[in-house]
Amino acid sequence: MLELLKDGTYIRYWLAVVASFLGDAITKITLLYVVATQTDDPVLFVSLVVIAQLLPSGVLGAFVGPLADRMPARLLLVGSDLARVVIALGMIAVRDSPWLLILLTLLSGVGKAFFETARITAIPKIVGSHSIPSAVALFQSTNHTLNLVGPALGGVLLALGDVSVIFVIDAATFALSALLLGSMAVLREVPGRGPAGGGEPYLRALRTGVSGVLKVPSLRFLAVFLVPVMLVLGLFTTNINTQLLNVFDLSAFDYGLAQACFGGGAILGALLGPVLVRRYSDHGLLVGSILLFGMSLILLAPTSGTRDHLGLTVVAAWCLLSGLGSGLFQVPVANTLLRDLPEDLRGRGVGLLNALMVNFMVLGVLAGGLTAELLGTAESIIAAGVVLVAAGAVLAVPALHPAPAAAPDPAESRTTR
């Protein structure tokens, strides 16, 4: 991982992603604050903001893929950043209209759907196949860190300044990202035209992309693997805050500490990923991570039982372990995806599987509230853990193992920049 931090090209890419994602994190907390304080139905409008942020990636992800396979990544990345500059500045004019803010949030989500597909597709070009696990781990750990820092920084800015200033800062982060990405020569390359490549009509390219991805055994397994994981992750994301605030009745300080432990566990999982990828197969690590995450959710039962005696310590330990499980699986998922996708199908494969992840996570978010009402918050989390452990056990059956992918050529040279 340290070698990537010495690579000027990767550093520009990394800084661009940091700027873009930090702006997203700051604006997310700002939008939630604005709609929650300016409407008579804050629960409805907060839900609409969250859906508006996620929905475009779920709906459009697969449809962006063919464009990523036939257009330079620089065009999609810089174009989506510049579009979001305009959208962020437009939020200043409609800051007193929650419905218009939600509409602009939806449009910003469309820009992010293009950005994310092109960003992930470009990773092998930037770092070479041999450095994919380290690049994924560095990004994931950075992303988890920004998810902790961004909302906190947004809260400070809300306390100190005007909402309009925050939208200007968001626009500036997208402009900085566009400037950095636009300077990278490797992103200007037009994708090659493989057997399923850019010469096909759009709809045929979309169909051949789906069939081409599903022909790869490891990617078929990955698609099956992601369904239970993302459902449970969505449910967990919905219910963990209720568990900490309402069931455990944590104070504001203790709640922040518990969230920091969860984020720290997720960062640790991302950093451990490359080490474990070198020691174990992606299949083994995927199944191991799903079992770890499921067991961590089941351990909420003894955590609840001992919390009155052990206090915050046992809650913090549970948050750390569940964060570790949720962060660990993302490295082998991304490594398998980027390693085994044929280059001419890379954009479509990334878009398809990203859409699958987002859509099932949204379903999990929706199911989280329902199961919490039917079973109780803690019981729904524990039941989700049982389902995940059962799914991991089924996926561990040898007959379901994907065929091993060919190892990358160690002599492969880095892409000329």
Protein backbone atom coordinates (compact mmCIF):
# COMPACT_ATOMS: atom_id res chain seq x y z
CA MET A 1 0.00 0.00 0.00
CA LEU A 2 2.87 2.37 0.74
CA GLU A 3 4.10 2.10 -2.85
CA LEU A 4 0.83 3.64 -4.06
CA LEU A 5 1.37 6.68 -1.86
CA LYS A 6 4.67 7.25 -3.69
CA ASP A 7 2.95 7.11 -7.09
CA GLY A 8 2.15 10.63 -8.31
CA THR A 9 -0.59 9.45 -10.66
CA TYR A 10 -2.38 7.46 -7.98
CA ILE A 11 -2.00 10.32 -5.48
CA ARG A 12 -3.84 12.65 -7.88
CA TYR A 13 -6.60 10.07 -8.28
CA TRP A 14 -6.78 9.52 -4.53
CA LEU A 15 -6.91 13.24 -3.72
CA ALA A 16 -9.66 13.74 -6.31
CA VAL A 17 -11.75 10.99 -4.75
CA VAL A 18 -11.11 12.37 -1.25
CA ALA A 19 -12.24 15.85 -2.33
CA SER A 20 -15.37 14.55 -4.08
CA PHE A 21 -16.40 12.21 -1.26
CA LEU A 22 -15.68 14.74 1.48
CA GLY A 23 -17.99 17.21 -0.28
CA ASP A 24 -20.66 14.51 -0.50
CA ALA A 25 -20.37 13.67 3.21
CA ILE A 26 -20.58 17.33 4.29
CA THR A 27 -23.55 18.04 2.04
CA LYS A 28 -25.42 14.90 3.11
CA ILE A 29 -25.58 16.01 6.74
CA THR A 30 -26.46 19.55 5.61
CA LEU A 31 -29.37 18.38 3.45
CA LEU A 32 -30.68 16.16 6.24
CA TYR A 33 -30.50 19.09 8.66
CA VAL A 34 -32.24 21.49 6.27
CA VAL A 35 -35.19 19.23 5.40
CA ALA A 36 -35.57 18.05 8.99
CA THR A 37 -35.82 21.61 10.33
CA GLN A 38 -37.85 23.21 7.55
CA THR A 39 -40.70 20.71 7.16
CA ASP A 40 -43.63 19.48 9.22
CA ASP A 41 -42.83 15.85 8.45
CA PRO A 42 -39.06 15.47 9.01
CA VAL A 43 -39.11 11.64 8.97
CA LEU A 44 -40.64 11.59 5.47
CA PHE A 45 -38.29 14.19 4.04
CA VAL A 46 -35.16 12.67 5.60
CA SER A 47 -36.14 9.33 4.05
CA LEU A 48 -36.68 11.02 0.68
CA VAL A 49 -33.22 12.60 0.83
CA VAL A 50 -31.59 9.23 1.57
CA ILE A 51 -33.54 7.54 -1.24
CA ALA A 52 -32.70 10.36 -3.66
CA GLN A 53 -29.00 9.86 -2.92
CA LEU A 54 -29.08 6.06 -3.43
CA LEU A 55 -31.74 5.54 -6.09
CA PRO A 56 -29.84 6.80 -9.18
CA SER A 57 -26.94 4.38 -8.66
CA GLY A 58 -29.37 1.49 -8.30
CA VAL A 59 -31.51 2.41 -11.30
CA LEU A 60 -28.83 3.73 -13.66
CA GLY A 61 -25.73 1.74 -12.66
CA ALA A 62 -26.19 -1.02 -15.22
CA PHE A 63 -27.08 1.47 -17.97
CA VAL A 64 -23.95 3.58 -17.38
CA GLY A 65 -21.72 0.53 -17.90
CA PRO A 66 -21.83 0.44 -21.74
CA LEU A 67 -20.84 4.12 -21.82
CA ALA A 68 -17.85 3.42 -19.56
CA ASP A 69 -16.76 0.69 -22.02
CA ARG A 70 -16.74 3.04 -25.02
CA MET A 71 -15.89 6.51 -23.64
CA PRO A 72 -12.71 7.80 -21.96
CA ALA A 73 -12.97 7.66 -18.16
CA ARG A 74 -11.78 11.28 -18.03
CA LEU A 75 -14.89 12.45 -19.92
CA LEU A 76 -17.29 10.70 -17.54
CA LEU A 77 -15.41 11.61 -14.36
CA VAL A 78 -14.77 15.26 -15.14
CA GLY A 79 -18.21 15.68 -16.72
CA SER A 80 -20.00 14.33 -13.66
CA ASP A 81 -17.89 16.50 -11.34
CA LEU A 82 -18.61 19.68 -13.32
CA ALA A 83 -22.32 18.87 -13.45
CA ARG A 84 -22.33 18.51 -9.67
CA VAL A 85 -20.58 21.87 -9.30
CA VAL A 86 -23.60 23.46 -11.00
CA ILE A 87 -26.05 21.38 -8.94
CA ALA A 88 -24.36 22.25 -5.62
CA LEU A 89 -24.47 25.97 -6.45
CA GLY A 90 -28.09 25.59 -7.56
CA MET A 91 -28.95 24.30 -4.07
CA ILE A 92 -28.18 27.79 -2.73
CA ALA A 93 -31.05 29.25 -4.73
CA VAL A 94 -33.58 26.62 -3.58
CA ARG A 95 -32.36 26.14 -0.01
CA ASP A 96 -35.80 27.12 1.35
CA SER A 97 -37.68 24.65 -0.86
CA PRO A 98 -37.33 21.03 0.41
CA TRP A 99 -38.92 19.51 -2.70
CA LEU A 100 -36.52 21.32 -5.05
CA LEU A 101 -33.60 20.34 -2.82
CA ILE A 102 -34.66 16.69 -3.13
CA LEU A 103 -34.88 17.07 -6.92
CA LEU A 104 -31.34 18.49 -7.06
CA THR A 105 -30.18 15.72 -4.69
CA LEU A 106 -31.60 13.21 -7.17
CA LEU A 107 -29.73 14.89 -10.04
CA SER A 108 -26.53 14.89 -7.99
CA GLY A 109 -27.07 11.18 -7.42
CA VAL A 110 -27.24 10.71 -11.19
CA GLY A 111 -23.85 12.41 -11.47
CA LYS A 112 -22.46 10.15 -8.76
CA ALA A 113 -23.74 7.05 -10.60
CA PHE A 114 -21.62 8.05 -13.65
CA PHE A 115 -18.66 9.03 -11.46
CA GLU A 116 -18.57 5.80 -9.45
CA THR A 117 -18.81 3.48 -12.47
CA ALA A 118 -16.01 5.32 -14.27
CA ARG A 119 -13.91 5.63 -11.10
CA ILE A 120 -13.96 1.91 -10.31
CA THR A 121 -13.48 0.92 -13.94
CA ALA A 122 -10.35 3.08 -14.16
CA ILE A 123 -8.53 1.52 -11.17
CA PRO A 124 -6.66 -1.20 -13.15
CA LYS A 125 -5.47 1.42 -15.64
CA ILE A 126 -4.10 3.58 -12.86
CA VAL A 127 -2.41 1.00 -10.63
CA GLY A 128 -1.97 -2.15 -12.75
CA SER A 129 -3.59 -5.51 -11.97
CA HIS A 130 -1.05 -6.49 -9.31
CA SER A 131 -1.89 -3.51 -7.06
CA ILE A 132 -5.69 -3.75 -7.17
CA PRO A 133 -6.13 -5.12 -3.58
CA SER A 134 -3.95 -2.37 -2.10
CA ALA A 135 -5.69 0.34 -4.13
CA VAL A 136 -9.12 -0.93 -3.07
CA ALA A 137 -8.06 -1.15 0.59
CA LEU A 138 -6.64 2.37 0.58
CA PHE A 139 -9.80 3.75 -0.98
CA GLN A 140 -12.14 1.83 1.34
CA SER A 141 -10.23 2.87 4.47
CA THR A 142 -10.26 6.47 3.22
CA ASN A 143 -13.98 6.26 2.49
CA HIS A 144 -14.76 4.94 5.98
CA THR A 145 -12.63 7.71 7.48
CA LEU A 146 -14.49 10.34 5.45
CA ASN A 147 -17.80 8.87 6.59
CA LEU A 148 -16.69 9.65 10.14
CA VAL A 149 -15.01 13.00 9.50
CA GLY A 150 -17.42 14.43 6.90
CA PRO A 151 -20.61 14.54 8.98
CA ALA A 152 -18.68 15.86 11.98
CA LEU A 153 -17.16 18.62 9.84
CA GLY A 154 -20.58 19.33 8.35
CA GLY A 155 -22.03 19.70 11.83
CA VAL A 156 -19.29 22.16 12.80
CA LEU A 157 -19.87 24.20 9.63
CA LEU A 158 -23.61 24.26 10.30
CA ALA A 159 -22.95 25.57 13.80
CA LEU A 160 -20.48 28.22 12.65
CA GLY A 161 -21.70 29.37 9.26
CA ASP A 162 -24.47 29.71 6.73
CA VAL A 163 -25.90 26.75 4.82
CA SER A 164 -25.06 28.52 1.55
CA VAL A 165 -21.36 28.49 2.48
CA ILE A 166 -21.49 24.70 2.83
CA PHE A 167 -22.98 24.33 -0.66
CA VAL A 168 -20.17 26.56 -2.02
CA ILE A 169 -17.60 24.32 -0.30
CA ASP A 170 -19.28 21.26 -1.84
CA ALA A 171 -19.07 22.84 -5.31
CA ALA A 172 -15.39 23.65 -4.71
CA THR A 173 -14.61 20.02 -3.83
CA PHE A 174 -16.14 18.83 -7.11
CA ALA A 175 -14.20 21.48 -9.02
CA LEU A 176 -10.94 20.36 -7.38
CA SER A 177 -11.74 16.73 -8.21
CA ALA A 178 -12.40 17.65 -11.86
CA LEU A 179 -9.10 19.56 -12.05
CA LEU A 180 -7.07 16.66 -10.64
CA LEU A 181 -8.75 13.97 -12.75
CA GLY A 182 -8.55 16.10 -15.89
CA SER A 183 -4.76 16.25 -15.52
CA MET A 184 -4.34 12.44 -15.66
CA ALA A 185 -3.27 11.29 -19.12
CA VAL A 186 -4.14 7.64 -18.44
CA LEU A 187 -7.83 8.57 -18.10
CA ARG A 188 -7.90 10.06 -21.61
CA GLU A 189 -7.45 6.70 -23.29
CA VAL A 190 -10.42 5.41 -25.27
CA PRO A 191 -11.37 1.88 -24.10
CA GLY A 192 -10.38 -0.90 -26.48
CA ARG A 193 -12.97 -2.62 -28.65
CA GLY A 194 -13.03 -6.22 -27.59
CA PRO A 195 -15.37 -8.99 -28.75
CA ALA A 196 -18.21 -7.35 -26.86
CA GLY A 197 -16.87 -3.89 -27.26
CA GLY A 198 -17.74 -0.41 -28.33
CA GLY A 199 -18.78 -1.17 -31.95
CA GLU A 200 -22.11 -2.66 -30.86
CA PRO A 201 -25.36 -0.71 -30.64
CA TYR A 202 -26.04 0.41 -27.10
CA LEU A 203 -28.85 -2.03 -26.24
CA ARG A 204 -26.96 -5.00 -27.68
CA ALA A 205 -23.87 -3.97 -25.74
CA LEU A 206 -26.01 -3.87 -22.60
CA ARG A 207 -27.31 -7.40 -23.22
CA THR A 208 -23.93 -8.86 -24.12
CA GLY A 209 -22.47 -7.19 -21.04
CA VAL A 210 -24.92 -8.97 -18.73
CA SER A 211 -24.42 -12.34 -20.45
CA GLY A 212 -20.64 -11.85 -20.58
CA VAL A 213 -20.40 -11.06 -16.88
CA LEU A 214 -22.55 -14.05 -15.90
CA LYS A 215 -20.40 -16.39 -17.99
CA VAL A 216 -17.50 -15.86 -15.56
CA PRO A 217 -17.92 -18.38 -12.68
CA SER A 218 -16.33 -16.16 -10.02
CA LEU A 219 -18.60 -13.25 -10.99
CA ARG A 220 -21.71 -15.45 -10.93
CA PHE A 221 -20.72 -16.48 -7.42
CA LEU A 222 -20.12 -12.84 -6.51
CA ALA A 223 -23.60 -11.84 -7.70
CA VAL A 224 -25.16 -14.57 -5.52
CA PHE A 225 -22.91 -13.65 -2.58
CA LEU A 226 -23.88 -9.98 -2.67
CA VAL A 227 -27.63 -10.52 -2.37
CA PRO A 228 -27.79 -11.62 1.30
CA VAL A 229 -24.87 -9.41 2.33
CA MET A 230 -26.36 -6.19 0.96
CA LEU A 231 -29.84 -7.00 2.29
CA VAL A 232 -28.40 -7.48 5.78
CA LEU A 233 -26.11 -4.45 5.46
CA GLY A 234 -29.11 -2.27 4.55
CA LEU A 235 -31.13 -3.63 7.47
CA PHE A 236 -28.19 -3.14 9.82
CA THR A 237 -27.61 0.43 8.59
CA THR A 238 -31.25 1.24 9.34
CA ASN A 239 -31.39 -0.33 12.80
CA ILE A 240 -27.96 0.26 14.37
CA ASN A 241 -28.74 3.89 15.18
CA THR A 242 -32.03 2.93 16.82
CA GLN A 243 -30.24 0.19 18.75
CA LEU A 244 -27.58 2.56 20.07
CA LEU A 245 -29.79 5.56 20.78
CA ASN A 246 -33.12 4.06 21.81
CA VAL A 247 -32.42 0.53 23.01
CA PHE A 248 -29.02 1.10 24.65
CA ASP A 249 -30.03 4.71 25.40
CA LEU A 250 -26.52 6.06 24.87
CA SER A 251 -25.70 9.69 25.57
CA ALA A 252 -24.53 11.88 22.70
CA PHE A 253 -20.89 11.38 23.67
CA ASP A 254 -21.22 7.61 24.08
CA TYR A 255 -23.12 7.37 20.80
CA GLY A 256 -20.32 9.22 19.00
CA LEU A 257 -17.76 6.92 20.60
CA ALA A 258 -19.72 3.82 19.53
CA GLN A 259 -19.95 5.12 15.96
CA ALA A 260 -16.22 5.85 15.99
CA CYS A 261 -15.56 2.24 17.08
CA PHE A 262 -17.71 0.96 14.23
CA GLY A 263 -15.88 3.19 11.76
CA GLY A 264 -12.52 2.14 13.20
CA GLY A 265 -13.46 -1.52 12.77
CA ALA A 266 -14.46 -0.89 9.14
CA ILE A 267 -11.13 0.87 8.48
CA LEU A 268 -9.24 -2.02 10.10
CA GLY A 269 -11.16 -4.51 7.94
CA ALA A 270 -10.26 -2.60 4.78
CA LEU A 271 -6.58 -2.44 5.75
CA LEU A 272 -6.45 -6.16 6.62
CA GLY A 273 -7.99 -7.07 3.26
CA PRO A 274 -4.82 -6.98 1.08
CA VAL A 275 -2.86 -9.02 3.64
CA LEU A 276 -5.55 -11.70 3.74
CA VAL A 277 -6.02 -11.66 -0.05
CA ARG A 278 -2.38 -12.69 -0.42
CA ARG A 279 -2.83 -15.59 2.02
CA TYR A 280 -6.27 -16.91 1.15
CA SER A 281 -8.39 -17.31 -1.95
CA ASP A 282 -10.94 -14.60 -2.71
CA HIS A 283 -13.69 -17.21 -2.30
CA GLY A 284 -12.45 -18.23 1.12
CA LEU A 285 -12.07 -14.64 2.26
CA LEU A 286 -15.53 -13.71 0.95
CA VAL A 287 -17.17 -16.59 2.82
CA GLY A 288 -15.07 -15.92 5.93
CA SER A 289 -16.03 -12.25 5.97
CA ILE A 290 -19.74 -13.00 5.58
CA LEU A 291 -19.54 -15.46 8.49
CA LEU A 292 -17.67 -12.91 10.60
CA PHE A 293 -20.22 -10.18 9.90
CA GLY A 294 -23.11 -12.54 10.60
CA MET A 295 -21.59 -13.74 13.87
CA SER A 296 -20.95 -10.16 14.97
CA LEU A 297 -24.66 -9.40 14.58
CA ILE A 298 -25.62 -12.52 16.54
CA LEU A 299 -23.28 -11.38 19.32
CA LEU A 300 -25.65 -8.48 19.93
CA ALA A 301 -27.61 -10.94 22.10
CA PRO A 302 -24.89 -11.40 24.76
CA THR A 303 -23.93 -7.74 24.34
CA SER A 304 -27.44 -6.69 25.35
CA GLY A 305 -27.39 -9.16 28.23
CA THR A 306 -24.09 -7.96 29.69
CA ARG A 307 -24.39 -4.25 28.92
CA ASP A 308 -25.85 -3.39 32.33
CA HIS A 309 -22.82 -4.99 34.04
CA LEU A 310 -19.99 -4.04 31.63
CA GLY A 311 -21.31 -0.70 30.42
CA LEU A 312 -20.05 1.06 27.31
CA THR A 313 -17.02 -1.23 26.94
CA VAL A 314 -19.01 -4.20 25.66
CA VAL A 315 -21.05 -1.97 23.32
CA ALA A 316 -17.86 -0.44 21.89
CA ALA A 317 -16.37 -3.93 21.39
CA TRP A 318 -19.51 -5.06 19.56
CA CYS A 319 -19.42 -1.99 17.30
CA LEU A 320 -15.73 -2.60 16.55
CA LEU A 321 -16.35 -6.23 15.60
CA SER A 322 -19.40 -5.50 13.44
CA GLY A 323 -17.45 -2.71 11.70
CA LEU A 324 -14.60 -5.14 11.04
CA GLY A 325 -16.98 -7.62 9.40
CA SER A 326 -18.74 -4.99 7.30
CA GLY A 327 -15.45 -3.48 6.10
CA LEU A 328 -13.54 -6.68 5.38
CA PHE A 329 -15.74 -8.17 2.67
CA GLN A 330 -15.44 -5.15 0.37
CA VAL A 331 -11.77 -5.78 -0.51
CA PRO A 332 -12.15 -9.32 -1.94
CA VAL A 333 -15.39 -8.26 -3.67
CA ALA A 334 -13.67 -5.41 -5.52
CA ASN A 335 -10.55 -7.49 -6.15
CA THR A 336 -12.56 -10.34 -7.71
CA LEU A 337 -14.60 -7.91 -9.79
CA LEU A 338 -11.70 -5.94 -11.24
CA ARG A 339 -9.38 -8.92 -11.65
CA ASP A 340 -11.78 -11.30 -13.40
CA LEU A 341 -13.76 -8.91 -15.59
CA PRO A 342 -12.54 -8.93 -19.21
CA GLU A 343 -11.26 -5.45 -20.06
CA ASP A 344 -13.90 -4.86 -22.75
CA LEU A 345 -16.66 -5.70 -20.22
CA ARG A 346 -15.21 -3.84 -17.25
CA GLY A 347 -17.58 -0.86 -17.33
CA ARG A 348 -20.67 -3.00 -17.79
CA GLY A 349 -19.61 -5.45 -15.10
CA VAL A 350 -18.88 -2.69 -12.58
CA GLY A 351 -22.16 -0.94 -13.39
CA LEU A 352 -24.20 -4.15 -13.18
CA LEU A 353 -22.80 -5.36 -9.85
CA ASN A 354 -22.83 -1.88 -8.35
CA ALA A 355 -26.52 -1.58 -9.26
CA LEU A 356 -27.17 -4.98 -7.70
CA MET A 357 -25.43 -3.91 -4.47
CA VAL A 358 -27.28 -0.59 -4.19
CA ASN A 359 -30.71 -2.02 -5.04
CA PHE A 360 -30.50 -4.84 -2.51
CA MET A 361 -29.13 -2.46 0.11
CA VAL A 362 -32.14 -0.18 -0.46
CA LEU A 363 -34.43 -3.20 -0.05
CA GLY A 364 -32.58 -3.99 3.18
CA VAL A 365 -33.08 -0.41 4.40
CA LEU A 366 -36.81 -0.69 3.72
CA ALA A 367 -36.97 -4.11 5.38
CA GLY A 368 -35.09 -2.81 8.41
CA GLY A 369 -37.93 -0.62 9.61
CA LEU A 370 -40.53 -3.33 8.99
CA THR A 371 -38.63 -6.09 10.79
CA ALA A 372 -37.84 -3.77 13.70
CA GLU A 373 -41.56 -3.12 14.16
CA LEU A 374 -42.45 -6.81 13.89
CA LEU A 375 -39.60 -8.37 15.90
CA GLY A 376 -37.96 -5.52 17.78
CA THR A 377 -34.77 -3.66 16.89
CA ALA A 378 -32.24 -5.97 18.55
CA GLU A 379 -34.14 -9.10 17.51
CA SER A 380 -34.20 -8.01 13.85
CA ILE A 381 -30.41 -7.47 13.87
CA ILE A 382 -29.78 -10.85 15.49
CA ALA A 383 -32.15 -12.60 13.05
CA ALA A 384 -30.32 -10.95 10.15
CA GLY A 385 -27.06 -12.32 11.53
CA VAL A 386 -28.52 -15.84 11.65
CA VAL A 387 -29.63 -15.52 8.02
CA LEU A 388 -26.18 -14.29 7.01
CA VAL A 389 -24.38 -17.15 8.79
CA ALA A 390 -26.71 -19.65 7.13
CA ALA A 391 -26.05 -18.04 3.73
CA GLY A 392 -22.29 -18.15 4.37
CA ALA A 393 -22.49 -21.83 5.24
CA VAL A 394 -24.37 -22.57 2.01
CA LEU A 395 -21.92 -20.53 -0.07
CA ALA A 396 -19.03 -22.45 1.52
CA VAL A 397 -20.26 -25.73 -0.03
CA PRO A 398 -17.43 -26.95 -2.33
CA ALA A 399 -19.81 -27.57 -5.23
CA LEU A 400 -20.54 -23.84 -5.32
CA HIS A 401 -16.89 -22.78 -5.53
CA PRO A 402 -16.15 -20.67 -8.61
CA ALA A 403 -13.40 -21.78 -10.94
CA PRO A 404 -10.12 -20.13 -9.97
CA ALA A 405 -9.18 -17.18 -12.11
CA ALA A 406 -5.85 -17.04 -13.86
CA ALA A 407 -3.23 -15.29 -11.79
CA PRO A 408 -2.03 -11.99 -13.21
CA ASP A 409 1.28 -12.05 -14.98
CA PRO A 410 3.88 -10.85 -12.44
CA ALA A 411 5.87 -9.39 -15.30
CA GLU A 412 2.97 -7.24 -16.37
CA SER A 413 4.16 -3.69 -16.78
CA ARG A 414 2.36 -0.70 -15.42
CA THR A 415 0.18 1.23 -17.85
CA THR A 416 2.07 4.08 -19.52
CA ARG A 417 0.84 7.38 -18.20
